[in-house]
Amino acid sequence: MSQKLQALKPDTVLKNYWRSNERFADFFNTVLFKGQQVIKPDELMDIDTEESSILEHKKYAEAIEASRDNIKIRKKSSETGIEFVMLGKESQKHIHYAMPLRVMGYDYGTYKKQYDDNAAKYTSSHGMDADEYLSRMKRTDRFSPVVTVVVYYSENPWDGATTLHEMLRIPEEFAAYVNDYRMLLVEARKNNFVFHNIDNSNFPHQKWDSHIEKSIL
């Protein structure tokens, strides 16, 4: 087993661990909803296998999966139809001082591709007014949200920015007018989370990387 562990990079170990829908759902339920079972494991799908209208192109799906550490689609039926939410998880062993900007780029790319796919449907102005055709978007069109959580695994405290504003030098008189972007940060070394999934139970503890390695092998 030791040779097998040595052959695995930490990023690969973490990606493989969080591929489990049960672990993934438990993580987001704990971090976002204080343990309420809002997200069910059977509602989650890997983004590279989803063929819904929000991700119509296989090459794009593969590109998103390659650039993201872990991303899944939560698909749920509601009274208004099918709801989609994209859930992304980024694992950080080291502090990335531009992480808010990086997360903003991930999220923007996902929204922009949804817009591009939607706009490609409107090849003529038939059924659209002038403003809709100019926008390549009907006023009733809506996109699916994306939620990204950054998990930092080091024993050293995170001392980087968690918002876009923290990365900027903003004159005081302009502060109220500069849009901010906040990233969701979880420090494995410092949290009070109580997980339901037994594999995730050691998340707040030290040497959690070793716990993950044992879980996937």
Protein backbone atom coordinates (compact mmCIF):
# COMPACT_ATOMS: atom_id res chain seq x y z
CA MET A 1 0.00 0.00 0.00
CA SER A 2 2.89 2.39 0.76
CA GLN A 3 4.11 2.22 -2.86
CA LYS A 4 0.58 2.90 -4.06
CA LEU A 5 0.30 5.92 -1.75
CA GLN A 6 3.61 7.31 -2.94
CA ALA A 7 2.41 7.12 -6.54
CA LEU A 8 -0.63 9.28 -5.75
CA LYS A 9 -0.35 13.06 -5.72
CA PRO A 10 -2.22 14.85 -2.89
CA ASP A 11 -4.52 16.57 -5.41
CA THR A 12 -5.41 13.22 -6.95
CA VAL A 13 -6.09 11.69 -3.54
CA LEU A 14 -8.49 14.51 -2.64
CA LYS A 15 -10.26 14.45 -6.01
CA ASN A 16 -10.81 10.71 -5.76
CA TYR A 17 -12.08 11.00 -2.19
CA TRP A 18 -14.69 13.64 -3.02
CA ARG A 19 -15.97 11.80 -6.11
CA SER A 20 -18.25 9.91 -3.72
CA ASN A 21 -21.75 11.41 -3.84
CA GLU A 22 -22.32 10.44 -0.20
CA ARG A 23 -19.22 12.27 1.02
CA PHE A 24 -19.81 15.22 -1.30
CA ALA A 25 -23.46 15.68 -0.24
CA ASP A 26 -22.53 15.38 3.43
CA PHE A 27 -19.84 18.05 3.03
CA PHE A 28 -22.12 20.60 1.39
CA ASN A 29 -25.02 19.87 3.74
CA THR A 30 -22.72 20.47 6.71
CA VAL A 31 -20.99 23.58 5.38
CA LEU A 32 -24.00 25.29 3.80
CA PHE A 33 -26.99 24.01 5.77
CA LYS A 34 -25.65 23.18 9.26
CA GLY A 35 -26.19 19.47 8.76
CA GLN A 36 -29.72 19.59 7.37
CA GLN A 37 -30.07 16.93 4.68
CA VAL A 38 -30.97 19.37 1.90
CA ILE A 39 -28.83 17.68 -0.77
CA LYS A 40 -29.40 13.96 -1.32
CA PRO A 41 -26.57 11.81 -2.76
CA ASP A 42 -28.85 10.42 -5.47
CA GLU A 43 -29.54 13.98 -6.70
CA LEU A 44 -25.86 14.49 -7.58
CA MET A 45 -24.31 13.82 -10.97
CA ASP A 46 -20.77 14.24 -12.21
CA ILE A 47 -20.65 17.14 -14.60
CA ASP A 48 -18.93 15.17 -17.36
CA THR A 49 -21.84 12.73 -17.63
CA GLU A 50 -24.70 15.25 -17.42
CA GLU A 51 -26.45 15.92 -20.72
CA SER A 52 -28.93 18.58 -19.63
CA SER A 53 -29.55 21.83 -21.45
CA ILE A 54 -27.24 23.74 -19.12
CA LEU A 55 -24.17 21.89 -20.37
CA GLU A 56 -24.79 20.82 -23.92
CA HIS A 57 -21.22 20.44 -25.10
CA LYS A 58 -19.15 17.45 -23.99
CA LYS A 59 -15.85 19.25 -24.65
CA TYR A 60 -16.88 22.08 -22.35
CA ALA A 61 -17.92 19.63 -19.64
CA GLU A 62 -14.53 17.95 -19.88
CA ALA A 63 -12.78 21.34 -19.69
CA ILE A 64 -14.73 22.32 -16.57
CA GLU A 65 -13.90 19.00 -14.92
CA ALA A 66 -10.23 19.39 -15.81
CA SER A 67 -9.96 22.90 -14.35
CA ARG A 68 -12.02 22.24 -11.22
CA ASP A 69 -10.95 19.98 -8.38
CA ASN A 70 -14.47 18.59 -7.93
CA ILE A 71 -17.75 19.74 -9.43
CA LYS A 72 -21.14 18.06 -9.48
CA ILE A 73 -24.62 19.01 -10.59
CA ARG A 74 -27.49 18.72 -8.16
CA LYS A 75 -30.67 17.90 -10.10
CA LYS A 76 -34.00 18.08 -8.31
CA SER A 77 -37.63 18.15 -9.42
CA SER A 78 -39.79 20.96 -8.10
CA GLU A 79 -43.25 22.37 -8.70
CA THR A 80 -41.81 24.68 -11.35
CA GLY A 81 -39.83 21.97 -13.15
CA ILE A 82 -36.28 20.66 -12.90
CA GLU A 83 -33.84 22.67 -10.79
CA PHE A 84 -30.09 22.54 -11.35
CA VAL A 85 -27.36 23.80 -9.02
CA MET A 86 -23.67 23.33 -9.74
CA LEU A 87 -21.55 22.63 -6.67
CA GLY A 88 -17.80 23.13 -6.94
CA LYS A 89 -15.14 22.26 -4.38
CA GLU A 90 -11.55 23.48 -4.55
CA SER A 91 -8.87 21.87 -2.35
CA GLN A 92 -5.91 23.99 -1.24
CA LYS A 93 -2.84 22.60 0.50
CA HIS A 94 -1.13 26.00 0.27
CA ILE A 95 -2.44 29.54 0.55
CA HIS A 96 -3.30 31.08 -2.80
CA TYR A 97 -3.24 34.85 -2.35
CA ALA A 98 -5.36 35.42 -5.44
CA MET A 99 -7.96 32.78 -4.55
CA PRO A 100 -11.01 35.10 -4.56
CA LEU A 101 -10.10 36.13 -8.10
CA ARG A 102 -9.55 32.53 -9.11
CA VAL A 103 -12.94 31.44 -7.73
CA MET A 104 -14.61 34.40 -9.42
CA GLY A 105 -13.08 33.24 -12.71
CA TYR A 106 -14.34 29.68 -12.24
CA ASP A 107 -17.85 30.88 -11.48
CA TYR A 108 -17.91 33.44 -14.28
CA GLY A 109 -16.74 30.83 -16.79
CA THR A 110 -19.61 28.55 -15.81
CA TYR A 111 -22.19 31.33 -16.11
CA LYS A 112 -20.73 32.58 -19.39
CA LYS A 113 -20.92 29.14 -20.96
CA GLN A 114 -24.55 28.83 -19.90
CA TYR A 115 -25.22 32.17 -21.55
CA ASP A 116 -23.37 31.15 -24.73
CA ASP A 117 -25.30 27.88 -24.98
CA ASN A 118 -28.57 29.71 -24.43
CA ALA A 119 -27.74 32.47 -26.93
CA ALA A 120 -26.87 29.92 -29.63
CA LYS A 121 -30.55 28.89 -29.75
CA TYR A 122 -31.60 32.30 -31.07
CA THR A 123 -30.51 32.31 -34.69
CA SER A 124 -33.30 34.68 -35.75
CA SER A 125 -35.45 37.34 -34.13
CA HIS A 126 -38.61 35.25 -34.51
CA GLY A 127 -40.59 35.43 -31.26
CA MET A 128 -38.23 37.99 -29.72
CA ASP A 129 -38.45 41.73 -29.33
CA ALA A 130 -35.55 43.97 -30.37
CA ASP A 131 -33.92 44.08 -26.93
CA GLU A 132 -34.15 40.32 -26.46
CA TYR A 133 -32.61 39.65 -29.86
CA LEU A 134 -29.83 42.15 -29.16
CA SER A 135 -29.16 40.37 -25.86
CA ARG A 136 -29.57 36.89 -27.37
CA MET A 137 -31.59 36.25 -24.24
CA LYS A 138 -35.30 36.41 -23.51
CA ARG A 139 -36.35 38.31 -20.41
CA THR A 140 -37.71 35.03 -18.99
CA ASP A 141 -34.50 33.03 -19.52
CA ARG A 142 -32.71 31.96 -16.36
CA PHE A 143 -29.42 30.20 -15.69
CA SER A 144 -28.40 27.68 -13.06
CA PRO A 145 -26.46 28.90 -10.02
CA VAL A 146 -22.99 27.75 -9.06
CA VAL A 147 -21.68 27.48 -5.48
CA THR A 148 -17.94 27.07 -4.90
CA VAL A 149 -16.35 26.17 -1.57
CA VAL A 150 -12.59 26.35 -1.01
CA VAL A 151 -11.18 23.88 1.52
CA TYR A 152 -7.77 24.68 2.98
CA TYR A 153 -5.98 21.68 4.53
CA SER A 154 -2.78 23.12 6.02
CA GLU A 155 -2.19 23.38 9.77
CA ASN A 156 -1.11 27.01 9.26
CA PRO A 157 -3.91 29.60 9.46
CA TRP A 158 -5.19 31.09 6.21
CA ASP A 159 -3.87 34.66 6.02
CA GLY A 160 -4.91 35.43 2.46
CA ALA A 161 -7.88 37.36 1.15
CA THR A 162 -11.36 35.85 1.16
CA THR A 163 -13.01 38.68 -0.79
CA LEU A 164 -12.15 40.63 -3.90
CA HIS A 165 -12.21 43.88 -1.91
CA GLU A 166 -9.34 42.59 0.24
CA MET A 167 -7.23 42.30 -2.90
CA LEU A 168 -7.85 45.90 -3.97
CA ARG A 169 -6.66 49.34 -2.91
CA ILE A 170 -9.97 51.17 -2.93
CA PRO A 171 -10.19 54.89 -2.16
CA GLU A 172 -12.69 55.32 0.65
CA GLU A 173 -15.06 57.45 -1.39
CA PHE A 174 -15.37 54.64 -4.00
CA ALA A 175 -15.70 51.68 -1.61
CA ALA A 176 -19.50 51.56 -1.77
CA TYR A 177 -19.46 51.41 -5.57
CA VAL A 178 -16.83 48.73 -6.24
CA ASN A 179 -18.53 45.35 -6.55
CA ASP A 180 -17.18 42.70 -4.21
CA TYR A 181 -16.89 38.93 -4.64
CA ARG A 182 -16.75 36.67 -1.60
CA MET A 183 -15.40 33.14 -1.62
CA LEU A 184 -16.57 30.46 0.80
CA LEU A 185 -13.53 29.26 2.75
CA VAL A 186 -13.36 26.25 5.05
CA GLU A 187 -10.23 25.60 7.12
CA ALA A 188 -9.88 21.93 8.01
CA ARG A 189 -7.74 22.88 11.03
CA LYS A 190 -10.35 25.18 12.56
CA ASN A 191 -14.06 24.44 12.40
CA ASN A 192 -16.94 23.08 14.45
CA PHE A 193 -18.55 20.96 11.75
CA VAL A 194 -20.33 17.75 12.70
CA PHE A 195 -20.51 15.41 9.72
CA HIS A 196 -22.97 12.56 9.28
CA ASN A 197 -20.89 10.52 6.87
CA ILE A 198 -18.46 8.32 8.80
CA ASP A 199 -15.67 8.85 6.26
CA ASN A 200 -15.88 12.63 6.79
CA SER A 201 -15.91 12.40 10.58
CA ASN A 202 -12.18 13.10 10.93
CA PHE A 203 -12.33 16.20 8.75
CA PRO A 204 -11.47 18.70 11.52
CA HIS A 205 -8.62 16.57 12.81
CA GLN A 206 -4.93 16.83 12.01
CA LYS A 207 -3.34 14.51 9.45
CA TRP A 208 -6.62 14.32 7.58
CA ASP A 209 -4.73 13.60 4.33
CA SER A 210 -3.73 10.22 5.77
CA HIS A 211 -7.35 9.54 6.71
CA ILE A 212 -8.42 10.25 3.12
CA GLU A 213 -5.73 8.01 1.69
CA LYS A 214 -6.96 5.08 3.79
CA SER A 215 -10.58 5.77 2.73
CA ILE A 216 -9.92 5.51 -1.00
CA LEU A 217 -7.50 2.58 -1.01
